[in-house]
Amino acid sequence: MRMTSSPSVLPLLRGKFIYIDRCVLCRAEEEEQLKQLEGRIKTMSGTITDSLDIASFVLAMPLQTVLDAALQARSVIVYYWFIDHATETGALPDVLGYEVDS
């Protein structure tokens, strides 16, 4: 999936910490997609974190992310395409539409 972005991307994720679950785009053939996802986060001024304790959003992947107690006790868990749609529209989508139902 090729993403296009406008020349002036808004800092929609400024001050936000994004945790990418290890199952998101984890296959060898998805490596480039993961790099693009990370790039979109950084372009929107977000910070990628390895710490669930400070994460504003946890990005998950349907049917692969294990929603264990440690993950559920943290931040808002959303499907990873939340970032794609923010990039496409130039605005943060309503989180409720992307929240992972545990």
PDB file of N, CA and C in Angstrom:
ATOM      1  N   MET A   1       0.838  -1.170   0.000  1.00  0.00           N
ATOM      2  CA  MET A   1       0.000   0.000   0.000  1.00  0.00           C
ATOM      3  C   MET A   1       0.888   1.239   0.000  1.00  0.00           C
ATOM      4  N   ARG A   2       0.824   2.020  -1.030  1.00  0.00           N
ATOM      5  CA  ARG A   2       1.640   3.220  -1.142  1.00  0.00           C
ATOM      6  C   ARG A   2       0.869   4.396  -0.591  1.00  0.00           C
ATOM      7  N   MET A   3       1.509   5.121   0.289  1.00  0.00           N
ATOM      8  CA  MET A   3       0.863   6.276   0.910  1.00  0.00           C
ATOM      9  C   MET A   3       1.402   7.555   0.286  1.00  0.00           C
ATOM     10  N   THR A   4       0.508   8.472   0.043  1.00  0.00           N
ATOM     11  CA  THR A   4       0.931   9.785  -0.421  1.00  0.00           C
ATOM     12  C   THR A   4       0.660  10.776   0.693  1.00  0.00           C
ATOM     13  N   SER A   5       1.452  11.806   0.726  1.00  0.00           N
ATOM     14  CA  SER A   5       1.214  12.827   1.740  1.00  0.00           C
ATOM     15  C   SER A   5       1.391  14.190   1.110  1.00  0.00           C
ATOM     16  N   SER A   6       0.735  15.155   1.697  1.00  0.00           N
ATOM     17  CA  SER A   6       0.845  16.510   1.186  1.00  0.00           C
ATOM     18  C   SER A   6       2.209  17.067   1.555  1.00  0.00           C
ATOM     19  N   PRO A   7       2.683  18.077   0.810  1.00  0.00           N
ATOM     20  CA  PRO A   7       3.998  18.640   1.084  1.00  0.00           C
ATOM     21  C   PRO A   7       4.116  19.225   2.484  1.00  0.00           C
ATOM     22  N   SER A   8       3.007  19.717   3.038  1.00  0.00           N
ATOM     23  CA  SER A   8       3.067  20.302   4.368  1.00  0.00           C
ATOM     24  C   SER A   8       2.260  19.438   5.336  1.00  0.00           C
ATOM     25  N   VAL A   9       2.926  18.499   5.963  1.00  0.00           N
ATOM     26  CA  VAL A   9       2.271  17.603   6.907  1.00  0.00           C
ATOM     27  C   VAL A   9       2.189  18.301   8.259  1.00  0.00           C
ATOM     28  N   LEU A  10       1.023  18.286   8.833  1.00  0.00           N
ATOM     29  CA  LEU A  10       0.818  18.919  10.127  1.00  0.00           C
ATOM     30  C   LEU A  10       1.435  18.083  11.245  1.00  0.00           C
ATOM     31  N   PRO A  11       1.889  18.719  12.298  1.00  0.00           N
ATOM     32  CA  PRO A  11       2.473  17.991  13.423  1.00  0.00           C
ATOM     33  C   PRO A  11       1.387  17.382  14.323  1.00  0.00           C
ATOM     34  N   LEU A  12       0.582  16.507  13.740  1.00  0.00           N
ATOM     35  CA  LEU A  12      -0.585  15.965  14.431  1.00  0.00           C
ATOM     36  C   LEU A  12      -0.239  15.134  15.663  1.00  0.00           C
ATOM     37  N   LEU A  13       0.969  14.608  15.702  1.00  0.00           N
ATOM     38  CA  LEU A  13       1.358  13.741  16.811  1.00  0.00           C
ATOM     39  C   LEU A  13       2.382  14.395  17.734  1.00  0.00           C
ATOM     40  N   ARG A  14       2.537  15.708  17.640  1.00  0.00           N
ATOM     41  CA  ARG A  14       3.482  16.406  18.516  1.00  0.00           C
ATOM     42  C   ARG A  14       3.102  16.154  19.973  1.00  0.00           C
ATOM     43  N   GLY A  15       4.089  15.747  20.748  1.00  0.00           N
ATOM     44  CA  GLY A  15       3.859  15.468  22.156  1.00  0.00           C
ATOM     45  C   GLY A  15       3.267  14.098  22.434  1.00  0.00           C
ATOM     46  N   LYS A  16       3.043  13.314  21.386  1.00  0.00           N
ATOM     47  CA  LYS A  16       2.476  11.973  21.533  1.00  0.00           C
ATOM     48  C   LYS A  16       3.574  10.922  21.400  1.00  0.00           C
ATOM     49  N   PHE A  17       3.471   9.901  22.220  1.00  0.00           N
ATOM     50  CA  PHE A  17       4.400   8.776  22.176  1.00  0.00           C
ATOM     51  C   PHE A  17       3.652   7.572  21.625  1.00  0.00           C
ATOM     52  N   ILE A  18       4.239   6.960  20.605  1.00  0.00           N
ATOM     53  CA  ILE A  18       3.588   5.867  19.902  1.00  0.00           C
ATOM     54  C   ILE A  18       4.374   4.579  20.130  1.00  0.00           C
ATOM     55  N   TYR A  19       3.700   3.578  20.654  1.00  0.00           N
ATOM     56  CA  TYR A  19       4.288   2.254  20.857  1.00  0.00           C
ATOM     57  C   TYR A  19       3.761   1.367  19.731  1.00  0.00           C
ATOM     58  N   ILE A  20       4.662   0.759  18.976  1.00  0.00           N
ATOM     59  CA  ILE A  20       4.268  -0.145  17.897  1.00  0.00           C
ATOM     60  C   ILE A  20       4.440  -1.571  18.406  1.00  0.00           C
ATOM     61  N   ASP A  21       3.328  -2.297  18.519  1.00  0.00           N
ATOM     62  CA  ASP A  21       3.393  -3.676  18.978  1.00  0.00           C
ATOM     63  C   ASP A  21       4.305  -4.481  18.059  1.00  0.00           C
ATOM     64  N   ARG A  22       5.007  -5.431  18.630  1.00  0.00           N
ATOM     65  CA  ARG A  22       5.994  -6.214  17.871  1.00  0.00           C
ATOM     66  C   ARG A  22       5.377  -7.047  16.751  1.00  0.00           C
ATOM     67  N   CYS A  23       4.054  -7.226  16.767  1.00  0.00           N
ATOM     68  CA  CYS A  23       3.384  -8.005  15.721  1.00  0.00           C
ATOM     69  C   CYS A  23       2.913  -7.154  14.546  1.00  0.00           C
ATOM     70  N   VAL A  24       3.058  -5.840  14.649  1.00  0.00           N
ATOM     71  CA  VAL A  24       2.627  -4.956  13.566  1.00  0.00           C
ATOM     72  C   VAL A  24       3.664  -5.001  12.446  1.00  0.00           C
ATOM     73  N   LEU A  25       3.210  -5.426  11.281  1.00  0.00           N
ATOM     74  CA  LEU A  25       4.075  -5.495  10.087  1.00  0.00           C
ATOM     75  C   LEU A  25       5.416  -6.162  10.427  1.00  0.00           C
ATOM     76  N   CYS A  26       5.352  -7.343  11.014  1.00  0.00           N
ATOM     77  CA  CYS A  26       6.555  -8.001  11.536  1.00  0.00           C
ATOM     78  C   CYS A  26       7.174  -9.022  10.588  1.00  0.00           C
ATOM     79  N   ARG A  27       6.499  -9.361   9.521  1.00  0.00           N
ATOM     80  CA  ARG A  27       7.055 -10.347   8.584  1.00  0.00           C
ATOM     81  C   ARG A  27       8.132  -9.705   7.716  1.00  0.00           C
ATOM     82  N   ALA A  28       9.049 -10.520   7.261  1.00  0.00           N
ATOM     83  CA  ALA A  28      10.174 -10.020   6.456  1.00  0.00           C
ATOM     84  C   ALA A  28       9.684  -9.218   5.249  1.00  0.00           C
ATOM     85  N   GLU A  29       8.634  -9.671   4.608  1.00  0.00           N
ATOM     86  CA  GLU A  29       8.135  -8.983   3.418  1.00  0.00           C
ATOM     87  C   GLU A  29       7.405  -7.674   3.759  1.00  0.00           C
ATOM     88  N   GLU A  30       7.178  -7.420   5.047  1.00  0.00           N
ATOM     89  CA  GLU A  30       6.517  -6.189   5.472  1.00  0.00           C
ATOM     90  C   GLU A  30       7.490  -5.156   6.030  1.00  0.00           C
ATOM     91  N   GLU A  31       8.764  -5.440   5.975  1.00  0.00           N
ATOM     92  CA  GLU A  31       9.771  -4.557   6.563  1.00  0.00           C
ATOM     93  C   GLU A  31       9.691  -3.131   6.012  1.00  0.00           C
ATOM     94  N   GLU A  32       9.528  -3.003   4.719  1.00  0.00           N
ATOM     95  CA  GLU A  32       9.456  -1.672   4.100  1.00  0.00           C
ATOM     96  C   GLU A  32       8.201  -0.931   4.561  1.00  0.00           C
ATOM     97  N   GLN A  33       7.092  -1.640   4.692  1.00  0.00           N
ATOM     98  CA  GLN A  33       5.858  -1.022   5.176  1.00  0.00           C
ATOM     99  C   GLN A  33       6.027  -0.510   6.605  1.00  0.00           C
ATOM    100  N   LEU A  34       6.730  -1.271   7.433  1.00  0.00           N
ATOM    101  CA  LEU A  34       6.981  -0.844   8.808  1.00  0.00           C
ATOM    102  C   LEU A  34       7.827   0.424   8.827  1.00  0.00           C
ATOM    103  N   LYS A  35       8.841   0.478   7.982  1.00  0.00           N
ATOM    104  CA  LYS A  35       9.671   1.678   7.894  1.00  0.00           C
ATOM    105  C   LYS A  35       8.841   2.885   7.460  1.00  0.00           C
ATOM    106  N   GLN A  36       7.919   2.671   6.528  1.00  0.00           N
ATOM    107  CA  GLN A  36       7.054   3.760   6.077  1.00  0.00           C
ATOM    108  C   GLN A  36       6.130   4.222   7.197  1.00  0.00           C
ATOM    109  N   LEU A  37       5.602   3.278   7.967  1.00  0.00           N
ATOM    110  CA  LEU A  37       4.745   3.619   9.107  1.00  0.00           C
ATOM    111  C   LEU A  37       5.528   4.453  10.122  1.00  0.00           C
ATOM    112  N   GLU A  38       6.729   4.013  10.438  1.00  0.00           N
ATOM    113  CA  GLU A  38       7.575   4.768  11.368  1.00  0.00           C
ATOM    114  C   GLU A  38       7.878   6.158  10.819  1.00  0.00           C
ATOM    115  N   GLY A  39       8.113   6.253   9.522  1.00  0.00           N
ATOM    116  CA  GLY A  39       8.378   7.543   8.889  1.00  0.00           C
ATOM    117  C   GLY A  39       7.190   8.483   8.981  1.00  0.00           C
ATOM    118  N   ARG A  40       5.978   7.956   8.798  1.00  0.00           N
ATOM    119  CA  ARG A  40       4.775   8.791   8.895  1.00  0.00           C
ATOM    120  C   ARG A  40       4.609   9.322  10.315  1.00  0.00           C
ATOM    121  N   ILE A  41       4.895   8.476  11.303  1.00  0.00           N
ATOM    122  CA  ILE A  41       4.796   8.914  12.699  1.00  0.00           C
ATOM    123  C   ILE A  41       5.757  10.070  12.944  1.00  0.00           C
ATOM    124  N   LYS A  42       6.986   9.915  12.500  1.00  0.00           N
ATOM    125  CA  LYS A  42       7.995  10.954  12.708  1.00  0.00           C
ATOM    126  C   LYS A  42       7.661  12.216  11.921  1.00  0.00           C
ATOM    127  N   THR A  43       7.136  12.067  10.713  1.00  0.00           N
ATOM    128  CA  THR A  43       6.767  13.220   9.896  1.00  0.00           C
ATOM    129  C   THR A  43       5.681  14.052  10.577  1.00  0.00           C
ATOM    130  N   MET A  44       4.803  13.372  11.309  1.00  0.00           N
ATOM    131  CA  MET A  44       3.741  14.081  12.028  1.00  0.00           C
ATOM    132  C   MET A  44       4.190  14.479  13.432  1.00  0.00           C
ATOM    133  N   SER A  45       5.510  14.478  13.657  1.00  0.00           N
ATOM    134  CA  SER A  45       6.131  14.921  14.913  1.00  0.00           C
ATOM    135  C   SER A  45       5.851  14.015  16.106  1.00  0.00           C
ATOM    136  N   GLY A  46       5.502  12.768  15.847  1.00  0.00           N
ATOM    137  CA  GLY A  46       5.312  11.812  16.935  1.00  0.00           C
ATOM    138  C   GLY A  46       6.641  11.184  17.329  1.00  0.00           C
ATOM    139  N   THR A  47       6.685  10.634  18.527  1.00  0.00           N
ATOM    140  CA  THR A  47       7.868   9.958  19.035  1.00  0.00           C
ATOM    141  C   THR A  47       7.552   8.484  19.198  1.00  0.00           C
ATOM    142  N   ILE A  48       8.358   7.637  18.585  1.00  0.00           N
ATOM    143  CA  ILE A  48       8.195   6.195  18.734  1.00  0.00           C
ATOM    144  C   ILE A  48       8.884   5.788  20.027  1.00  0.00           C
ATOM    145  N   THR A  49       8.180   5.015  20.840  1.00  0.00           N
ATOM    146  CA  THR A  49       8.718   4.608  22.135  1.00  0.00           C
ATOM    147  C   THR A  49       8.670   3.094  22.299  1.00  0.00           C
ATOM    148  N   ASP A  50       9.577   2.582  23.101  1.00  0.00           N
ATOM    149  CA  ASP A  50       9.578   1.163  23.466  1.00  0.00           C
ATOM    150  C   ASP A  50       8.930   0.964  24.832  1.00  0.00           C
ATOM    151  N   SER A  51       8.433   2.026  25.414  1.00  0.00           N
ATOM    152  CA  SER A  51       7.869   1.977  26.765  1.00  0.00           C
ATOM    153  C   SER A  51       6.354   2.106  26.731  1.00  0.00           C
ATOM    154  N   LEU A  52       5.678   1.073  27.192  1.00  0.00           N
ATOM    155  CA  LEU A  52       4.224   1.142  27.295  1.00  0.00           C
ATOM    156  C   LEU A  52       3.789   2.159  28.343  1.00  0.00           C
ATOM    157  N   ASP A  53       4.652   2.413  29.313  1.00  0.00           N
ATOM    158  CA  ASP A  53       4.298   3.316  30.412  1.00  0.00           C
ATOM    159  C   ASP A  53       4.052   4.753  29.961  1.00  0.00           C
ATOM    160  N   ILE A  54       4.683   5.178  28.883  1.00  0.00           N
ATOM    161  CA  ILE A  54       4.522   6.561  28.436  1.00  0.00           C
ATOM    162  C   ILE A  54       3.754   6.677  27.119  1.00  0.00           C
ATOM    163  N   ALA A  55       3.338   5.563  26.559  1.00  0.00           N
ATOM    164  CA  ALA A  55       2.694   5.576  25.244  1.00  0.00           C
ATOM    165  C   ALA A  55       1.353   6.292  25.276  1.00  0.00           C
ATOM    166  N   SER A  56       1.157   7.180  24.316  1.00  0.00           N
ATOM    167  CA  SER A  56      -0.132   7.830  24.118  1.00  0.00           C
ATOM    168  C   SER A  56      -1.064   6.898  23.358  1.00  0.00           C
ATOM    169  N   PHE A  57      -0.497   6.212  22.375  1.00  0.00           N
ATOM    170  CA  PHE A  57      -1.220   5.236  21.569  1.00  0.00           C
ATOM    171  C   PHE A  57      -0.365   3.984  21.437  1.00  0.00           C
ATOM    172  N   VAL A  58      -1.023   2.837  21.472  1.00  0.00           N
ATOM    173  CA  VAL A  58      -0.377   1.562  21.174  1.00  0.00           C
ATOM    174  C   VAL A  58      -0.954   1.110  19.845  1.00  0.00           C
ATOM    175  N   LEU A  59      -0.082   0.890  18.864  1.00  0.00           N
ATOM    176  CA  LEU A  59      -0.547   0.439  17.552  1.00  0.00           C
ATOM    177  C   LEU A  59      -0.586  -1.079  17.532  1.00  0.00           C
ATOM    178  N   ALA A  60      -1.697  -1.633  17.081  1.00  0.00           N
ATOM    179  CA  ALA A  60      -1.897  -3.077  17.051  1.00  0.00           C
ATOM    180  C   ALA A  60      -2.244  -3.527  15.640  1.00  0.00           C
ATOM    181  N   MET A  61      -2.123  -4.821  15.410  1.00  0.00           N
ATOM    182  CA  MET A  61      -2.451  -5.405  14.118  1.00  0.00           C
ATOM    183  C   MET A  61      -3.494  -6.502  14.335  1.00  0.00           C
ATOM    184  N   PRO A  62      -4.596  -6.439  13.611  1.00  0.00           N
ATOM    185  CA  PRO A  62      -5.655  -7.437  13.785  1.00  0.00           C
ATOM    186  C   PRO A  62      -5.139  -8.859  13.598  1.00  0.00           C
ATOM    187  N   LEU A  63      -5.627  -9.739  14.419  1.00  0.00           N
ATOM    188  CA  LEU A  63      -5.343 -11.174  14.379  1.00  0.00           C
ATOM    189  C   LEU A  63      -3.899 -11.544  14.714  1.00  0.00           C
ATOM    190  N   GLN A  64      -3.047 -10.576  14.978  1.00  0.00           N
ATOM    191  CA  GLN A  64      -1.659 -10.894  15.320  1.00  0.00           C
ATOM    192  C   GLN A  64      -1.259 -10.362  16.687  1.00  0.00           C
ATOM    193  N   THR A  65      -1.732  -9.194  17.053  1.00  0.00           N
ATOM    194  CA  THR A  65      -1.384  -8.619  18.348  1.00  0.00           C
ATOM    195  C   THR A  65      -2.085  -9.399  19.457  1.00  0.00           C
ATOM    196  N   VAL A  66      -1.319  -9.807  20.443  1.00  0.00           N
ATOM    197  CA  VAL A  66      -1.874 -10.494  21.609  1.00  0.00           C
ATOM    198  C   VAL A  66      -2.221  -9.432  22.649  1.00  0.00           C
ATOM    199  N   LEU A  67      -3.485  -9.333  22.966  1.00  0.00           N
ATOM    200  CA  LEU A  67      -3.941  -8.309  23.912  1.00  0.00           C
ATOM    201  C   LEU A  67      -3.862  -8.863  25.331  1.00  0.00           C
ATOM    202  N   ASP A  68      -2.629  -9.030  25.805  1.00  0.00           N
ATOM    203  CA  ASP A  68      -2.435  -9.550  27.155  1.00  0.00           C
ATOM    204  C   ASP A  68      -2.676  -8.445  28.187  1.00  0.00           C
ATOM    205  N   ALA A  69      -2.641  -8.811  29.455  1.00  0.00           N
ATOM    206  CA  ALA A  69      -2.951  -7.868  30.531  1.00  0.00           C
ATOM    207  C   ALA A  69      -2.015  -6.667  30.534  1.00  0.00           C
ATOM    208  N   ALA A  70      -0.745  -6.878  30.244  1.00  0.00           N
ATOM    209  CA  ALA A  70       0.220  -5.773  30.246  1.00  0.00           C
ATOM    210  C   ALA A  70      -0.140  -4.737  29.188  1.00  0.00           C
ATOM    211  N   LEU A  71      -0.554  -5.181  28.036  1.00  0.00           N
ATOM    212  CA  LEU A  71      -0.908  -4.266  26.954  1.00  0.00           C
ATOM    213  C   LEU A  71      -2.230  -3.568  27.249  1.00  0.00           C
ATOM    214  N   GLN A  72      -3.192  -4.284  27.769  1.00  0.00           N
ATOM    215  CA  GLN A  72      -4.512  -3.718  28.004  1.00  0.00           C
ATOM    216  C   GLN A  72      -4.537  -2.704  29.139  1.00  0.00           C
ATOM    217  N   ALA A  73      -3.618  -2.817  30.072  1.00  0.00           N
ATOM    218  CA  ALA A  73      -3.612  -1.920  31.229  1.00  0.00           C
ATOM    219  C   ALA A  73      -3.006  -0.563  30.892  1.00  0.00           C
ATOM    220  N   ARG A  74      -2.632  -0.357  29.676  1.00  0.00           N
ATOM    221  CA  ARG A  74      -1.919   0.861  29.273  1.00  0.00           C
ATOM    222  C   ARG A  74      -2.793   1.821  28.502  1.00  0.00           C
ATOM    223  N   SER A  75      -2.183   2.436  27.549  1.00  0.00           N
ATOM    224  CA  SER A  75      -2.779   3.508  26.756  1.00  0.00           C
ATOM    225  C   SER A  75      -3.884   3.009  25.829  1.00  0.00           C
ATOM    226  N   VAL A  76      -4.366   3.911  25.024  1.00  0.00           N
ATOM    227  CA  VAL A  76      -5.373   3.577  24.028  1.00  0.00           C
ATOM    228  C   VAL A  76      -4.732   2.678  22.980  1.00  0.00           C
ATOM    229  N   ILE A  77      -5.359   1.533  22.728  1.00  0.00           N
ATOM    230  CA  ILE A  77      -4.859   0.592  21.728  1.00  0.00           C
ATOM    231  C   ILE A  77      -5.678   0.793  20.464  1.00  0.00           C
ATOM    232  N   VAL A  78      -4.983   1.120  19.371  1.00  0.00           N
ATOM    233  CA  VAL A  78      -5.660   1.372  18.096  1.00  0.00           C
ATOM    234  C   VAL A  78      -5.017   0.529  17.006  1.00  0.00           C
ATOM    235  N   TYR A  79      -5.811   0.268  15.968  1.00  0.00           N
ATOM    236  CA  TYR A  79      -5.255  -0.426  14.807  1.00  0.00           C
ATOM    237  C   TYR A  79      -4.229   0.478  14.134  1.00  0.00           C
ATOM    238  N   TYR A  80      -3.179  -0.110  13.607  1.00  0.00           N
ATOM    239  CA  TYR A  80      -2.065   0.672  13.076  1.00  0.00           C
ATOM    240  C   TYR A  80      -2.458   1.579  11.930  1.00  0.00           C
ATOM    241  N   TRP A  81      -3.531   1.282  11.230  1.00  0.00           N
ATOM    242  CA  TRP A  81      -3.921   2.153  10.105  1.00  0.00           C
ATOM    243  C   TRP A  81      -4.511   3.484  10.579  1.00  0.00           C
ATOM    244  N   PHE A  82      -4.643   3.669  11.871  1.00  0.00           N
ATOM    245  CA  PHE A  82      -4.984   4.979  12.451  1.00  0.00           C
ATOM    246  C   PHE A  82      -3.981   6.023  11.953  1.00  0.00           C
ATOM    247  N   ILE A  83      -2.699   5.642  11.912  1.00  0.00           N
ATOM    248  CA  ILE A  83      -1.637   6.548  11.447  1.00  0.00           C
ATOM    249  C   ILE A  83      -1.780   6.814   9.948  1.00  0.00           C
ATOM    250  N   ASP A  84      -2.075   5.770   9.174  1.00  0.00           N
ATOM    251  CA  ASP A  84      -2.255   5.942   7.728  1.00  0.00           C
ATOM    252  C   ASP A  84      -3.382   6.924   7.434  1.00  0.00           C
ATOM    253  N   HIS A  85      -4.481   6.777   8.136  1.00  0.00           N
ATOM    254  CA  HIS A  85      -5.635   7.644   7.875  1.00  0.00           C
ATOM    255  C   HIS A  85      -5.380   9.079   8.328  1.00  0.00           C
ATOM    256  N   ALA A  86      -4.608   9.252   9.389  1.00  0.00           N
ATOM    257  CA  ALA A  86      -4.233  10.608   9.811  1.00  0.00           C
ATOM    258  C   ALA A  86      -3.386  11.273   8.732  1.00  0.00           C
ATOM    259  N   THR A  87      -2.482  10.505   8.154  1.00  0.00           N
ATOM    260  CA  THR A  87      -1.627  11.028   7.085  1.00  0.00           C
ATOM    261  C   THR A  87      -2.460  11.407   5.865  1.00  0.00           C
ATOM    262  N   GLU A  88      -3.390  10.541   5.500  1.00  0.00           N
ATOM    263  CA  GLU A  88      -4.215  10.772   4.310  1.00  0.00           C
ATOM    264  C   GLU A  88      -5.127  11.991   4.453  1.00  0.00           C
ATOM    265  N   THR A  89      -5.698  12.170   5.636  1.00  0.00           N
ATOM    266  CA  THR A  89      -6.696  13.223   5.819  1.00  0.00           C
ATOM    267  C   THR A  89      -6.126  14.531   6.361  1.00  0.00           C
ATOM    268  N   GLY A  90      -4.940  14.468   6.961  1.00  0.00           N
ATOM    269  CA  GLY A  90      -4.356  15.662   7.543  1.00  0.00           C
ATOM    270  C   GLY A  90      -4.961  16.023   8.884  1.00  0.00           C
ATOM    271  N   ALA A  91      -5.636  15.058   9.505  1.00  0.00           N
ATOM    272  CA  ALA A  91      -6.247  15.271  10.825  1.00  0.00           C
ATOM    273  C   ALA A  91      -6.259  13.943  11.574  1.00  0.00           C
ATOM    274  N   LEU A  92      -6.187  14.016  12.889  1.00  0.00           N
ATOM    275  CA  LEU A  92      -6.290  12.785  13.672  1.00  0.00           C
ATOM    276  C   LEU A  92      -7.729  12.292  13.615  1.00  0.00           C
ATOM    277  N   PRO A  93      -7.918  11.044  13.202  1.00  0.00           N
ATOM    278  CA  PRO A  93      -9.280  10.503  13.170  1.00  0.00           C
ATOM    279  C   PRO A  93      -9.815  10.304  14.584  1.00  0.00           C
ATOM    280  N   ASP A  94     -11.107  10.120  14.694  1.00  0.00           N
ATOM    281  CA  ASP A  94     -11.727   9.811  15.975  1.00  0.00           C
ATOM    282  C   ASP A  94     -11.183   8.461  16.453  1.00  0.00           C
ATOM    283  N   VAL A  95     -10.549   8.469  17.592  1.00  0.00           N
ATOM    284  CA  VAL A  95      -9.904   7.271  18.132  1.00  0.00           C
ATOM    285  C   VAL A  95     -10.902   6.132  18.300  1.00  0.00           C
ATOM    286  N   LEU A  96     -12.129   6.442  18.644  1.00  0.00           N
ATOM    287  CA  LEU A  96     -13.134   5.398  18.870  1.00  0.00           C
ATOM    288  C   LEU A  96     -13.345   4.498  17.660  1.00  0.00           C
ATOM    289  N   GLY A  97     -13.164   5.049  16.473  1.00  0.00           N
ATOM    290  CA  GLY A  97     -13.316   4.268  15.255  1.00  0.00           C
ATOM    291  C   GLY A  97     -12.166   3.316  14.987  1.00  0.00           C
ATOM    292  N   TYR A  98     -11.070   3.454  15.706  1.00  0.00           N
ATOM    293  CA  TYR A  98      -9.868   2.664  15.490  1.00  0.00           C
ATOM    294  C   TYR A  98      -9.464   1.853  16.709  1.00  0.00           C
ATOM    295  N   GLU A  99     -10.175   2.060  17.809  1.00  0.00           N
ATOM    296  CA  GLU A  99      -9.820   1.403  19.060  1.00  0.00           C
ATOM    297  C   GLU A  99     -10.018  -0.107  18.937  1.00  0.00           C
ATOM    298  N   VAL A 100      -9.034  -0.856  19.442  1.00  0.00           N
ATOM    299  CA  VAL A 100      -9.092  -2.307  19.414  1.00  0.00           C
ATOM    300  C   VAL A 100     -10.018  -2.766  20.528  1.00  0.00           C
ATOM    301  N   ASP A 101     -10.978  -3.582  20.167  1.00  0.00           N
ATOM    302  CA  ASP A 101     -11.928  -4.115  21.141  1.00  0.00           C
ATOM    303  C   ASP A 101     -11.311  -5.346  21.788  1.00  0.00           C
ATOM    304  N   SER A 102     -11.062  -5.247  23.067  1.00  0.00           N
ATOM    305  CA  SER A 102     -10.438  -6.366  23.766  1.00  0.00           C
ATOM    306  C   SER A 102     -11.496  -7.328  24.266  1.00  0.00           C
TER     307      SER A 102
END
